[in-house]
PDB file of N, CA and C in Angstrom:
ATOM      1  N   MET A   1       0.486 -17.334   2.652  1.00  0.00           N
ATOM      2  CA  MET A   1       0.027 -16.486   1.592  1.00  0.00           C
ATOM      3  C   MET A   1      -0.720 -17.357   0.584  1.00  0.00           C
ATOM      4  N   GLY A   2      -1.915 -16.914   0.194  1.00  0.00           N
ATOM      5  CA  GLY A   2      -2.720 -17.646  -0.770  1.00  0.00           C
ATOM      6  C   GLY A   2      -2.482 -17.137  -2.174  1.00  0.00           C
ATOM      7  N   ALA A   3      -3.308 -17.620  -3.057  1.00  0.00           N
ATOM      8  CA  ALA A   3      -3.234 -17.187  -4.447  1.00  0.00           C
ATOM      9  C   ALA A   3      -3.608 -15.712  -4.553  1.00  0.00           C
ATOM     10  N   PRO A   4      -3.050 -15.023  -5.525  1.00  0.00           N
ATOM     11  CA  PRO A   4      -3.405 -13.611  -5.687  1.00  0.00           C
ATOM     12  C   PRO A   4      -4.846 -13.469  -6.174  1.00  0.00           C
ATOM     13  N   THR A   5      -5.438 -12.335  -5.891  1.00  0.00           N
ATOM     14  CA  THR A   5      -6.752 -12.040  -6.449  1.00  0.00           C
ATOM     15  C   THR A   5      -6.579 -11.829  -7.953  1.00  0.00           C
ATOM     16  N   ILE A   6      -7.698 -11.778  -8.671  1.00  0.00           N
ATOM     17  CA  ILE A   6      -7.566 -11.549 -10.111  1.00  0.00           C
ATOM     18  C   ILE A   6      -6.988 -10.166 -10.401  1.00  0.00           C
ATOM     19  N   ALA A   7      -7.331  -9.194  -9.579  1.00  0.00           N
ATOM     20  CA  ALA A   7      -6.782  -7.850  -9.770  1.00  0.00           C
ATOM     21  C   ALA A   7      -5.269  -7.855  -9.532  1.00  0.00           C
ATOM     22  N   GLU A   8      -4.810  -8.561  -8.494  1.00  0.00           N
ATOM     23  CA  GLU A   8      -3.376  -8.651  -8.214  1.00  0.00           C
ATOM     24  C   GLU A   8      -2.651  -9.399  -9.325  1.00  0.00           C
ATOM     25  N   GLY A   9      -3.240 -10.481  -9.797  1.00  0.00           N
ATOM     26  CA  GLY A   9      -2.631 -11.246 -10.885  1.00  0.00           C
ATOM     27  C   GLY A   9      -2.488 -10.412 -12.146  1.00  0.00           C
ATOM     28  N   ARG A  10      -3.513  -9.665 -12.445  1.00  0.00           N
ATOM     29  CA  ARG A  10      -3.486  -8.790 -13.632  1.00  0.00           C
ATOM     30  C   ARG A  10      -2.419  -7.714 -13.467  1.00  0.00           C
ATOM     31  N   ALA A  11      -2.356  -7.112 -12.278  1.00  0.00           N
ATOM     32  CA  ALA A  11      -1.372  -6.052 -12.029  1.00  0.00           C
ATOM     33  C   ALA A  11       0.061  -6.595 -12.049  1.00  0.00           C
ATOM     34  N   ARG A  12       0.270  -7.777 -11.481  1.00  0.00           N
ATOM     35  CA  ARG A  12       1.624  -8.345 -11.416  1.00  0.00           C
ATOM     36  C   ARG A  12       2.148  -8.744 -12.786  1.00  0.00           C
ATOM     37  N   THR A  13       1.270  -9.297 -13.622  1.00  0.00           N
ATOM     38  CA  THR A  13       1.729  -9.842 -14.891  1.00  0.00           C
ATOM     39  C   THR A  13       1.497  -8.934 -16.085  1.00  0.00           C
ATOM     40  N   GLY A  14       0.483  -8.065 -15.987  1.00  0.00           N
ATOM     41  CA  GLY A  14       0.124  -7.254 -17.131  1.00  0.00           C
ATOM     42  C   GLY A  14      -0.547  -8.064 -18.229  1.00  0.00           C
ATOM     43  N   LYS A  15      -0.884  -9.302 -17.906  1.00  0.00           N
ATOM     44  CA  LYS A  15      -1.503 -10.200 -18.882  1.00  0.00           C
ATOM     45  C   LYS A  15      -2.937 -10.517 -18.455  1.00  0.00           C
ATOM     46  N   ALA A  16      -3.671 -11.137 -19.337  1.00  0.00           N
ATOM     47  CA  ALA A  16      -5.049 -11.532 -19.025  1.00  0.00           C
ATOM     48  C   ALA A  16      -5.054 -12.574 -17.910  1.00  0.00           C
ATOM     49  N   VAL A  17      -6.100 -12.547 -17.119  1.00  0.00           N
ATOM     50  CA  VAL A  17      -6.281 -13.518 -16.051  1.00  0.00           C
ATOM     51  C   VAL A  17      -7.630 -14.209 -16.239  1.00  0.00           C
ATOM     52  N   ALA A  18      -7.716 -15.434 -15.761  1.00  0.00           N
ATOM     53  CA  ALA A  18      -8.962 -16.186 -15.829  1.00  0.00           C
ATOM     54  C   ALA A  18      -9.451 -16.426 -14.413  1.00  0.00           C
ATOM     55  N   GLY A  19     -10.747 -16.265 -14.197  1.00  0.00           N
ATOM     56  CA  GLY A  19     -11.321 -16.526 -12.890  1.00  0.00           C
ATOM     57  C   GLY A  19     -12.453 -15.573 -12.601  1.00  0.00           C
ATOM     58  N   GLY A  20     -12.725 -15.420 -11.323  1.00  0.00           N
ATOM     59  CA  GLY A  20     -13.736 -14.475 -10.892  1.00  0.00           C
ATOM     60  C   GLY A  20     -15.047 -15.089 -10.455  1.00  0.00           C
ATOM     61  N   ILE A  21     -15.249 -16.361 -10.787  1.00  0.00           N
ATOM     62  CA  ILE A  21     -16.496 -17.028 -10.404  1.00  0.00           C
ATOM     63  C   ILE A  21     -16.141 -18.288  -9.625  1.00  0.00           C
ATOM     64  N   SER A  22     -16.886 -18.565  -8.575  1.00  0.00           N
ATOM     65  CA  SER A  22     -16.665 -19.769  -7.780  1.00  0.00           C
ATOM     66  C   SER A  22     -16.807 -21.010  -8.651  1.00  0.00           C
ATOM     67  N   ALA A  23     -16.113 -22.057  -8.282  1.00  0.00           N
ATOM     68  CA  ALA A  23     -16.109 -23.284  -9.083  1.00  0.00           C
ATOM     69  C   ALA A  23     -16.916 -24.401  -8.444  1.00  0.00           C
ATOM     70  N   GLY A  24     -17.087 -25.447  -9.205  1.00  0.00           N
ATOM     71  CA  GLY A  24     -17.646 -26.701  -8.733  1.00  0.00           C
ATOM     72  C   GLY A  24     -18.991 -26.579  -8.066  1.00  0.00           C
ATOM     73  N   ALA A  25     -19.099 -27.225  -6.911  1.00  0.00           N
ATOM     74  CA  ALA A  25     -20.368 -27.276  -6.185  1.00  0.00           C
ATOM     75  C   ALA A  25     -20.817 -25.900  -5.719  1.00  0.00           C
ATOM     76  N   VAL A  26     -19.885 -25.005  -5.463  1.00  0.00           N
ATOM     77  CA  VAL A  26     -20.261 -23.658  -5.031  1.00  0.00           C
ATOM     78  C   VAL A  26     -21.041 -22.970  -6.140  1.00  0.00           C
ATOM     79  N   LEU A  27     -20.513 -22.999  -7.360  1.00  0.00           N
ATOM     80  CA  LEU A  27     -21.198 -22.405  -8.498  1.00  0.00           C
ATOM     81  C   LEU A  27     -22.546 -23.077  -8.719  1.00  0.00           C
ATOM     82  N   ARG A  28     -22.556 -24.377  -8.631  1.00  0.00           N
ATOM     83  CA  ARG A  28     -23.796 -25.138  -8.844  1.00  0.00           C
ATOM     84  C   ARG A  28     -24.874 -24.740  -7.854  1.00  0.00           C
ATOM     85  N   ASP A  29     -24.491 -24.483  -6.614  1.00  0.00           N
ATOM     86  CA  ASP A  29     -25.462 -24.241  -5.556  1.00  0.00           C
ATOM     87  C   ASP A  29     -25.769 -22.760  -5.322  1.00  0.00           C
ATOM     88  N   MET A  30     -25.093 -21.866  -6.012  1.00  0.00           N
ATOM     89  CA  MET A  30     -25.352 -20.438  -5.856  1.00  0.00           C
ATOM     90  C   MET A  30     -26.640 -20.065  -6.574  1.00  0.00           C
ATOM     91  N   SER A  31     -27.217 -18.953  -6.174  1.00  0.00           N
ATOM     92  CA  SER A  31     -28.348 -18.420  -6.935  1.00  0.00           C
ATOM     93  C   SER A  31     -27.788 -17.716  -8.167  1.00  0.00           C
ATOM     94  N   ALA A  32     -28.606 -17.579  -9.194  1.00  0.00           N
ATOM     95  CA  ALA A  32     -28.170 -16.874 -10.399  1.00  0.00           C
ATOM     96  C   ALA A  32     -27.788 -15.436 -10.064  1.00  0.00           C
ATOM     97  N   LEU A  33     -28.513 -14.819  -9.150  1.00  0.00           N
ATOM     98  CA  LEU A  33     -28.207 -13.443  -8.754  1.00  0.00           C
ATOM     99  C   LEU A  33     -26.824 -13.365  -8.110  1.00  0.00           C
ATOM    100  N   ASP A  34     -26.482 -14.341  -7.264  1.00  0.00           N
ATOM    101  CA  ASP A  34     -25.159 -14.351  -6.638  1.00  0.00           C
ATOM    102  C   ASP A  34     -24.058 -14.566  -7.673  1.00  0.00           C
ATOM    103  N   VAL A  35     -24.315 -15.406  -8.665  1.00  0.00           N
ATOM    104  CA  VAL A  35     -23.330 -15.619  -9.733  1.00  0.00           C
ATOM    105  C   VAL A  35     -23.100 -14.311 -10.480  1.00  0.00           C
ATOM    106  N   GLU A  36     -24.188 -13.625 -10.798  1.00  0.00           N
ATOM    107  CA  GLU A  36     -24.062 -12.358 -11.514  1.00  0.00           C
ATOM    108  C   GLU A  36     -23.303 -11.332 -10.671  1.00  0.00           C
ATOM    109  N   ARG A  37     -23.551 -11.298  -9.385  1.00  0.00           N
ATOM    110  CA  ARG A  37     -22.820 -10.368  -8.496  1.00  0.00           C
ATOM    111  C   ARG A  37     -21.329 -10.688  -8.480  1.00  0.00           C
ATOM    112  N   GLU A  38     -20.994 -11.980  -8.389  1.00  0.00           N
ATOM    113  CA  GLU A  38     -19.584 -12.371  -8.396  1.00  0.00           C
ATOM    114  C   GLU A  38     -18.921 -11.961  -9.702  1.00  0.00           C
ATOM    115  N   ALA A  39     -19.611 -12.203 -10.790  1.00  0.00           N
ATOM    116  CA  ALA A  39     -19.060 -11.866 -12.104  1.00  0.00           C
ATOM    117  C   ALA A  39     -18.851 -10.358 -12.222  1.00  0.00           C
ATOM    118  N   ARG A  40     -19.810  -9.579 -11.795  1.00  0.00           N
ATOM    119  CA  ARG A  40     -19.676  -8.122 -11.867  1.00  0.00           C
ATOM    120  C   ARG A  40     -18.537  -7.627 -10.987  1.00  0.00           C
ATOM    121  N   ALA A  41     -18.351  -8.254  -9.828  1.00  0.00           N
ATOM    122  CA  ALA A  41     -17.245  -7.868  -8.945  1.00  0.00           C
ATOM    123  C   ALA A  41     -15.905  -8.152  -9.614  1.00  0.00           C
ATOM    124  N   ALA A  42     -15.794  -9.277 -10.303  1.00  0.00           N
ATOM    125  CA  ALA A  42     -14.556  -9.616 -11.002  1.00  0.00           C
ATOM    126  C   ALA A  42     -14.290  -8.619 -12.124  1.00  0.00           C
ATOM    127  N   ILE A  43     -15.329  -8.257 -12.848  1.00  0.00           N
ATOM    128  CA  ILE A  43     -15.189  -7.288 -13.934  1.00  0.00           C
ATOM    129  C   ILE A  43     -14.747  -5.940 -13.368  1.00  0.00           C
ATOM    130  N   ALA A  44     -15.343  -5.531 -12.265  1.00  0.00           N
ATOM    131  CA  ALA A  44     -14.964  -4.267 -11.629  1.00  0.00           C
ATOM    132  C   ALA A  44     -13.523  -4.307 -11.117  1.00  0.00           C
ATOM    133  N   ALA A  45     -13.105  -5.443 -10.576  1.00  0.00           N
ATOM    134  CA  ALA A  45     -11.763  -5.564 -10.004  1.00  0.00           C
ATOM    135  C   ALA A  45     -10.672  -5.442 -11.061  1.00  0.00           C
ATOM    136  N   THR A  46     -10.980  -5.816 -12.286  1.00  0.00           N
ATOM    137  CA  THR A  46      -9.989  -5.748 -13.360  1.00  0.00           C
ATOM    138  C   THR A  46     -10.246  -4.591 -14.309  1.00  0.00           C
ATOM    139  N   GLY A  47     -11.265  -3.822 -14.030  1.00  0.00           N
ATOM    140  CA  GLY A  47     -11.627  -2.750 -14.938  1.00  0.00           C
ATOM    141  C   GLY A  47     -12.216  -3.277 -16.236  1.00  0.00           C
ATOM    142  N   GLY A  48     -12.559  -4.562 -16.239  1.00  0.00           N
ATOM    143  CA  GLY A  48     -13.158  -5.171 -17.425  1.00  0.00           C
ATOM    144  C   GLY A  48     -12.168  -5.491 -18.522  1.00  0.00           C
ATOM    145  N   ALA A  49     -10.894  -5.254 -18.286  1.00  0.00           N
ATOM    146  CA  ALA A  49      -9.874  -5.520 -19.307  1.00  0.00           C
ATOM    147  C   ALA A  49      -9.008  -6.697 -18.885  1.00  0.00           C
ATOM    148  N   GLY A  50      -8.655  -7.529 -19.833  1.00  0.00           N
ATOM    149  CA  GLY A  50      -7.763  -8.643 -19.542  1.00  0.00           C
ATOM    150  C   GLY A  50      -8.363  -9.669 -18.611  1.00  0.00           C
ATOM    151  N   LEU A  51      -9.666  -9.870 -18.710  1.00  0.00           N
ATOM    152  CA  LEU A  51     -10.334 -10.844 -17.845  1.00  0.00           C
ATOM    153  C   LEU A  51     -11.033 -11.888 -18.688  1.00  0.00           C
ATOM    154  N   LEU A  52     -10.705 -13.141 -18.435  1.00  0.00           N
ATOM    155  CA  LEU A  52     -11.437 -14.266 -18.991  1.00  0.00           C
ATOM    156  C   LEU A  52     -12.336 -14.739 -17.855  1.00  0.00           C
ATOM    157  N   LEU A  53     -13.575 -14.312 -17.886  1.00  0.00           N
ATOM    158  CA  LEU A  53     -14.511 -14.618 -16.811  1.00  0.00           C
ATOM    159  C   LEU A  53     -14.778 -16.114 -16.801  1.00  0.00           C
ATOM    160  N   ALA A  54     -14.406 -16.766 -15.705  1.00  0.00           N
ATOM    161  CA  ALA A  54     -14.494 -18.224 -15.635  1.00  0.00           C
ATOM    162  C   ALA A  54     -14.521 -18.659 -14.177  1.00  0.00           C
ATOM    163  N   PRO A  55     -14.980 -19.887 -13.936  1.00  0.00           N
ATOM    164  CA  PRO A  55     -14.873 -20.420 -12.581  1.00  0.00           C
ATOM    165  C   PRO A  55     -13.414 -20.722 -12.279  1.00  0.00           C
ATOM    166  N   GLY A  56     -13.094 -20.757 -11.004  1.00  0.00           N
ATOM    167  CA  GLY A  56     -11.724 -21.004 -10.590  1.00  0.00           C
ATOM    168  C   GLY A  56     -11.182 -22.352 -11.004  1.00  0.00           C
ATOM    169  N   CYS A  57     -12.031 -23.284 -11.348  1.00  0.00           N
ATOM    170  CA  CYS A  57     -11.583 -24.625 -11.712  1.00  0.00           C
ATOM    171  C   CYS A  57     -12.535 -25.178 -12.760  1.00  0.00           C
ATOM    172  N   ALA A  58     -13.345 -26.128 -12.364  1.00  0.00           N
ATOM    173  CA  ALA A  58     -14.258 -26.778 -13.310  1.00  0.00           C
ATOM    174  C   ALA A  58     -15.707 -26.426 -12.993  1.00  0.00           C
ATOM    175  N   ILE A  59     -16.560 -26.655 -13.958  1.00  0.00           N
ATOM    176  CA  ILE A  59     -17.997 -26.462 -13.780  1.00  0.00           C
ATOM    177  C   ILE A  59     -18.636 -27.839 -13.660  1.00  0.00           C
ATOM    178  N   ASP A  60     -19.354 -28.080 -12.558  1.00  0.00           N
ATOM    179  CA  ASP A  60     -20.065 -29.345 -12.408  1.00  0.00           C
ATOM    180  C   ASP A  60     -21.079 -29.492 -13.529  1.00  0.00           C
ATOM    181  N   ALA A  61     -21.214 -30.691 -14.044  1.00  0.00           N
ATOM    182  CA  ALA A  61     -22.129 -30.947 -15.159  1.00  0.00           C
ATOM    183  C   ALA A  61     -23.574 -30.613 -14.812  1.00  0.00           C
ATOM    184  N   ASP A  62     -23.923 -30.685 -13.523  1.00  0.00           N
ATOM    185  CA  ASP A  62     -25.318 -30.410 -13.142  1.00  0.00           C
ATOM    186  C   ASP A  62     -25.526 -28.975 -12.646  1.00  0.00           C
ATOM    187  N   THR A  63     -24.617 -28.066 -13.025  1.00  0.00           N
ATOM    188  CA  THR A  63     -24.792 -26.656 -12.694  1.00  0.00           C
ATOM    189  C   THR A  63     -25.992 -26.124 -13.466  1.00  0.00           C
ATOM    190  N   PRO A  64     -26.901 -25.438 -12.785  1.00  0.00           N
ATOM    191  CA  PRO A  64     -28.080 -24.917 -13.483  1.00  0.00           C
ATOM    192  C   PRO A  64     -27.686 -23.959 -14.618  1.00  0.00           C
ATOM    193  N   ALA A  65     -28.355 -24.095 -15.730  1.00  0.00           N
ATOM    194  CA  ALA A  65     -28.098 -23.223 -16.877  1.00  0.00           C
ATOM    195  C   ALA A  65     -28.278 -21.759 -16.496  1.00  0.00           C
ATOM    196  N   GLU A  66     -29.218 -21.478 -15.577  1.00  0.00           N
ATOM    197  CA  GLU A  66     -29.460 -20.097 -15.157  1.00  0.00           C
ATOM    198  C   GLU A  66     -28.203 -19.462 -14.578  1.00  0.00           C
ATOM    199  N   ASN A  67     -27.382 -20.261 -13.891  1.00  0.00           N
ATOM    200  CA  ASN A  67     -26.156 -19.716 -13.305  1.00  0.00           C
ATOM    201  C   ASN A  67     -25.140 -19.350 -14.380  1.00  0.00           C
ATOM    202  N   LEU A  68     -25.048 -20.161 -15.411  1.00  0.00           N
ATOM    203  CA  LEU A  68     -24.124 -19.864 -16.505  1.00  0.00           C
ATOM    204  C   LEU A  68     -24.624 -18.665 -17.310  1.00  0.00           C
ATOM    205  N   ILE A  69     -25.916 -18.587 -17.503  1.00  0.00           N
ATOM    206  CA  ILE A  69     -26.516 -17.449 -18.199  1.00  0.00           C
ATOM    207  C   ILE A  69     -26.282 -16.164 -17.409  1.00  0.00           C
ATOM    208  N   ALA A  70     -26.374 -16.244 -16.083  1.00  0.00           N
ATOM    209  CA  ALA A  70     -26.150 -15.068 -15.237  1.00  0.00           C
ATOM    210  C   ALA A  70     -24.733 -14.544 -15.406  1.00  0.00           C
ATOM    211  N   ALA A  71     -23.769 -15.425 -15.488  1.00  0.00           N
ATOM    212  CA  ALA A  71     -22.380 -14.993 -15.715  1.00  0.00           C
ATOM    213  C   ALA A  71     -22.231 -14.332 -17.074  1.00  0.00           C
ATOM    214  N   ALA A  72     -22.848 -14.915 -18.088  1.00  0.00           N
ATOM    215  CA  ALA A  72     -22.792 -14.324 -19.431  1.00  0.00           C
ATOM    216  C   ALA A  72     -23.482 -12.970 -19.452  1.00  0.00           C
ATOM    217  N   ARG A  73     -24.596 -12.860 -18.750  1.00  0.00           N
ATOM    218  CA  ARG A  73     -25.332 -11.582 -18.694  1.00  0.00           C
ATOM    219  C   ARG A  73     -24.452 -10.501 -18.063  1.00  0.00           C
ATOM    220  N   ALA A  74     -23.749 -10.832 -16.995  1.00  0.00           N
ATOM    221  CA  ALA A  74     -22.884  -9.852 -16.331  1.00  0.00           C
ATOM    222  C   ALA A  74     -21.756  -9.419 -17.263  1.00  0.00           C
ATOM    223  N   ALA A  75     -21.223 -10.351 -18.022  1.00  0.00           N
ATOM    224  CA  ALA A  75     -20.106 -10.034 -18.913  1.00  0.00           C
ATOM    225  C   ALA A  75     -20.542  -9.189 -20.104  1.00  0.00           C
ATOM    226  N   SER A  76     -21.800  -9.295 -20.476  1.00  0.00           N
ATOM    227  CA  SER A  76     -22.256  -8.567 -21.648  1.00  0.00           C
ATOM    228  C   SER A  76     -22.693  -7.142 -21.344  1.00  0.00           C
ATOM    229  N   ARG A  77     -22.696  -6.770 -20.085  1.00  0.00           N
ATOM    230  CA  ARG A  77     -23.120  -5.406 -19.710  1.00  0.00           C
ATOM    231  C   ARG A  77     -21.958  -4.469 -19.658  1.00  0.00           C
TER     232      ARG A  77
END
């Protein structure tokens, strides 16, 4: 059994969860459109409540700014 999804974590605890976006090299190498899709899926999975939209771990220093902007754009809609 792996880690729970963000929706499962939110349902099990009733508390805010952090995650929803791939971390590290995956985030760095994704297209901005794919980052935005991942972010929107995370928002949909939690109903937009109790979600701290974040990568699963760390953000590589050389992650394109466009990818971070795409995540922010998804969260602001």
